[in-house]
Amino acid sequence: MAKWTIGSKSSNSGTLQGKFEYESGKAVGESNWVITQDEKPFLEQAKREREQGKRKDTGYRKFATIPDIVAIEVLQNHGIDLHDPNTMADRALMNKFRYIIKTEYPYLLSY
């Protein structure tokens, strides 16, 4: 059965490193991988949104700008799948997610 692990990433680097370990019949091994993403546009967008400040209340308030590389890391480290539609409906998971973003990724906050 295949499993994957993620190594550490340096803050704001946009790089995750990890490995796949697999076992299928007689085939056993591992494969190292690296994922990179330019976080700069996401950081700039979040900064612009913070600078704009509070706008007219439309019933929806954007919380943060989340690059995929961070979504993967949150899934691996905290078990929260941001790409699962059920996650947004789960109030407890979303509260946990907000806490994670505020403490580990405050530079992604939109307000």
C-alpha atoms as a PDB file:
ATOM      1  CA  MET A   1       0.000   0.000   0.000  1.00  0.00           C
ATOM      2  CA  ALA A   2       1.368   3.415  -0.922  1.00  0.00           C
ATOM      3  CA  LYS A   3       1.899   6.138   1.651  1.00  0.00           C
ATOM      4  CA  TRP A   4       3.507   9.519   1.443  1.00  0.00           C
ATOM      5  CA  THR A   5       5.212  11.850   3.854  1.00  0.00           C
ATOM      6  CA  ILE A   6       6.129  15.497   3.686  1.00  0.00           C
ATOM      7  CA  GLY A   7       9.339  16.905   5.051  1.00  0.00           C
ATOM      8  CA  SER A   8       9.665  20.367   6.471  1.00  0.00           C
ATOM      9  CA  LYS A   9       9.493  23.496   4.371  1.00  0.00           C
ATOM     10  CA  SER A  10      11.163  26.756   5.147  1.00  0.00           C
ATOM     11  CA  SER A  11       8.809  29.675   5.767  1.00  0.00           C
ATOM     12  CA  ASN A  12       7.630  31.498   2.613  1.00  0.00           C
ATOM     13  CA  SER A  13       9.754  29.268   0.368  1.00  0.00           C
ATOM     14  CA  GLY A  14       6.856  27.588  -1.406  1.00  0.00           C
ATOM     15  CA  THR A  15       8.632  24.239  -1.461  1.00  0.00           C
ATOM     16  CA  LEU A  16       7.590  20.921   0.031  1.00  0.00           C
ATOM     17  CA  GLN A  17       9.772  17.839  -0.037  1.00  0.00           C
ATOM     18  CA  GLY A  18       8.746  14.307   0.730  1.00  0.00           C
ATOM     19  CA  LYS A  19       8.704  10.748  -0.446  1.00  0.00           C
ATOM     20  CA  PHE A  20       6.325   8.066  -1.584  1.00  0.00           C
ATOM     21  CA  GLU A  21       6.827   4.628  -0.098  1.00  0.00           C
ATOM     22  CA  TYR A  22       5.097   1.808  -1.902  1.00  0.00           C
ATOM     23  CA  GLU A  23       4.593  -1.906  -1.726  1.00  0.00           C
ATOM     24  CA  SER A  24       2.732  -3.701  -4.479  1.00  0.00           C
ATOM     25  CA  GLY A  25       3.184  -7.417  -4.754  1.00  0.00           C
ATOM     26  CA  LYS A  26       6.920  -7.974  -4.984  1.00  0.00           C
ATOM     27  CA  ALA A  27       7.696  -4.342  -5.808  1.00  0.00           C
ATOM     28  CA  VAL A  28       8.850  -2.327  -2.805  1.00  0.00           C
ATOM     29  CA  GLY A  29      10.575   1.020  -2.870  1.00  0.00           C
ATOM     30  CA  GLU A  30      10.363   4.721  -2.449  1.00  0.00           C
ATOM     31  CA  SER A  31      10.434   7.759  -4.661  1.00  0.00           C
ATOM     32  CA  ASN A  32      11.479  11.204  -3.504  1.00  0.00           C
ATOM     33  CA  TRP A  33       9.591  14.233  -4.762  1.00  0.00           C
ATOM     34  CA  VAL A  34       9.588  18.014  -4.554  1.00  0.00           C
ATOM     35  CA  ILE A  35       6.663  20.369  -5.112  1.00  0.00           C
ATOM     36  CA  THR A  36       7.253  24.064  -5.677  1.00  0.00           C
ATOM     37  CA  GLN A  37       4.846  26.941  -6.035  1.00  0.00           C
ATOM     38  CA  ASP A  38       5.485  30.651  -6.339  1.00  0.00           C
ATOM     39  CA  GLU A  39       3.782  32.040  -3.242  1.00  0.00           C
ATOM     40  CA  LYS A  40       4.565  35.659  -4.137  1.00  0.00           C
ATOM     41  CA  PRO A  41       1.235  36.383  -5.942  1.00  0.00           C
ATOM     42  CA  PHE A  42      -0.687  34.927  -2.986  1.00  0.00           C
ATOM     43  CA  LEU A  43       1.268  37.002  -0.477  1.00  0.00           C
ATOM     44  CA  GLU A  44       0.774  40.154  -2.550  1.00  0.00           C
ATOM     45  CA  GLN A  45      -2.978  39.496  -2.853  1.00  0.00           C
ATOM     46  CA  ALA A  46      -3.353  38.957   0.902  1.00  0.00           C
ATOM     47  CA  LYS A  47      -1.379  42.155   1.572  1.00  0.00           C
ATOM     48  CA  ARG A  48      -3.596  44.169  -0.813  1.00  0.00           C
ATOM     49  CA  GLU A  49      -6.715  42.825   0.891  1.00  0.00           C
ATOM     50  CA  ARG A  50      -5.389  43.741   4.345  1.00  0.00           C
ATOM     51  CA  GLU A  51      -4.488  47.237   3.134  1.00  0.00           C
ATOM     52  CA  GLN A  52      -7.976  47.772   1.675  1.00  0.00           C
ATOM     53  CA  GLY A  53      -9.372  47.210   5.132  1.00  0.00           C
ATOM     54  CA  LYS A  54     -12.979  46.541   5.946  1.00  0.00           C
ATOM     55  CA  ARG A  55     -15.375  46.998   3.058  1.00  0.00           C
ATOM     56  CA  LYS A  56     -19.137  47.072   2.945  1.00  0.00           C
ATOM     57  CA  ASP A  57     -20.625  43.976   4.570  1.00  0.00           C
ATOM     58  CA  THR A  58     -21.908  41.655   1.852  1.00  0.00           C
ATOM     59  CA  GLY A  59     -22.575  38.720   4.178  1.00  0.00           C
ATOM     60  CA  TYR A  60     -19.318  37.057   3.147  1.00  0.00           C
ATOM     61  CA  ARG A  61     -15.899  37.910   4.450  1.00  0.00           C
ATOM     62  CA  LYS A  62     -12.810  36.394   2.908  1.00  0.00           C
ATOM     63  CA  PHE A  63     -10.547  34.930   5.570  1.00  0.00           C
ATOM     64  CA  ALA A  64      -7.273  34.222   3.769  1.00  0.00           C
ATOM     65  CA  THR A  65      -5.607  33.530   0.439  1.00  0.00           C
ATOM     66  CA  ILE A  66      -4.394  29.917   0.513  1.00  0.00           C
ATOM     67  CA  PRO A  67      -1.899  28.587  -2.057  1.00  0.00           C
ATOM     68  CA  ASP A  68      -2.187  24.885  -2.906  1.00  0.00           C
ATOM     69  CA  ILE A  69       1.224  24.227  -1.393  1.00  0.00           C
ATOM     70  CA  VAL A  70      -0.123  25.391   1.999  1.00  0.00           C
ATOM     71  CA  ALA A  71      -3.340  23.383   1.559  1.00  0.00           C
ATOM     72  CA  ILE A  72      -1.234  20.240   1.053  1.00  0.00           C
ATOM     73  CA  GLU A  73       0.857  21.002   4.110  1.00  0.00           C
ATOM     74  CA  VAL A  74      -2.267  21.622   6.252  1.00  0.00           C
ATOM     75  CA  LEU A  75      -3.682  18.281   5.075  1.00  0.00           C
ATOM     76  CA  GLN A  76      -0.469  16.430   5.904  1.00  0.00           C
ATOM     77  CA  ASN A  77       0.256  18.106   9.239  1.00  0.00           C
ATOM     78  CA  HIS A  78      -3.273  18.643  10.582  1.00  0.00           C
ATOM     79  CA  GLY A  79      -5.576  16.314   8.625  1.00  0.00           C
ATOM     80  CA  ILE A  80      -7.766  19.108   7.222  1.00  0.00           C
ATOM     81  CA  ASP A  81      -8.550  18.680   3.509  1.00  0.00           C
ATOM     82  CA  LEU A  82      -9.391  22.143   2.181  1.00  0.00           C
ATOM     83  CA  HIS A  83     -10.312  20.680  -1.197  1.00  0.00           C
ATOM     84  CA  ASP A  84     -13.062  18.525   0.320  1.00  0.00           C
ATOM     85  CA  PRO A  85     -16.424  20.358   0.012  1.00  0.00           C
ATOM     86  CA  ASN A  86     -17.537  18.884   3.353  1.00  0.00           C
ATOM     87  CA  THR A  87     -14.716  20.656   5.171  1.00  0.00           C
ATOM     88  CA  MET A  88     -16.270  24.091   4.613  1.00  0.00           C
ATOM     89  CA  ALA A  89     -19.530  22.877   6.158  1.00  0.00           C
ATOM     90  CA  ASP A  90     -17.813  21.490   9.274  1.00  0.00           C
ATOM     91  CA  ARG A  91     -17.706  24.346  11.794  1.00  0.00           C
ATOM     92  CA  ALA A  92     -15.228  22.581  14.125  1.00  0.00           C
ATOM     93  CA  LEU A  93     -12.762  21.882  11.292  1.00  0.00           C
ATOM     94  CA  MET A  94     -13.032  25.434  10.009  1.00  0.00           C
ATOM     95  CA  ASN A  95     -12.368  26.844  13.487  1.00  0.00           C
ATOM     96  CA  LYS A  96      -9.284  24.625  13.726  1.00  0.00           C
ATOM     97  CA  PHE A  97      -8.219  25.709  10.240  1.00  0.00           C
ATOM     98  CA  ARG A  98      -8.599  29.416  11.109  1.00  0.00           C
ATOM     99  CA  TYR A  99      -6.464  28.902  14.209  1.00  0.00           C
ATOM    100  CA  ILE A 100      -3.772  27.157  12.137  1.00  0.00           C
ATOM    101  CA  ILE A 101      -3.682  29.969   9.583  1.00  0.00           C
ATOM    102  CA  LYS A 102      -3.587  32.681  12.266  1.00  0.00           C
ATOM    103  CA  THR A 103      -0.734  30.995  14.146  1.00  0.00           C
ATOM    104  CA  GLU A 104       1.353  29.346  11.399  1.00  0.00           C
ATOM    105  CA  TYR A 105       0.583  31.400   8.267  1.00  0.00           C
ATOM    106  CA  PRO A 106      -0.489  34.893   9.400  1.00  0.00           C
ATOM    107  CA  TYR A 107       0.981  36.441   6.232  1.00  0.00           C
ATOM    108  CA  LEU A 108      -1.861  34.784   4.248  1.00  0.00           C
ATOM    109  CA  LEU A 109      -4.658  36.497   6.200  1.00  0.00           C
ATOM    110  CA  SER A 110      -6.921  38.794   4.202  1.00  0.00           C
ATOM    111  CA  TYR A 111      -7.831  41.000   7.173  1.00  0.00           C
END
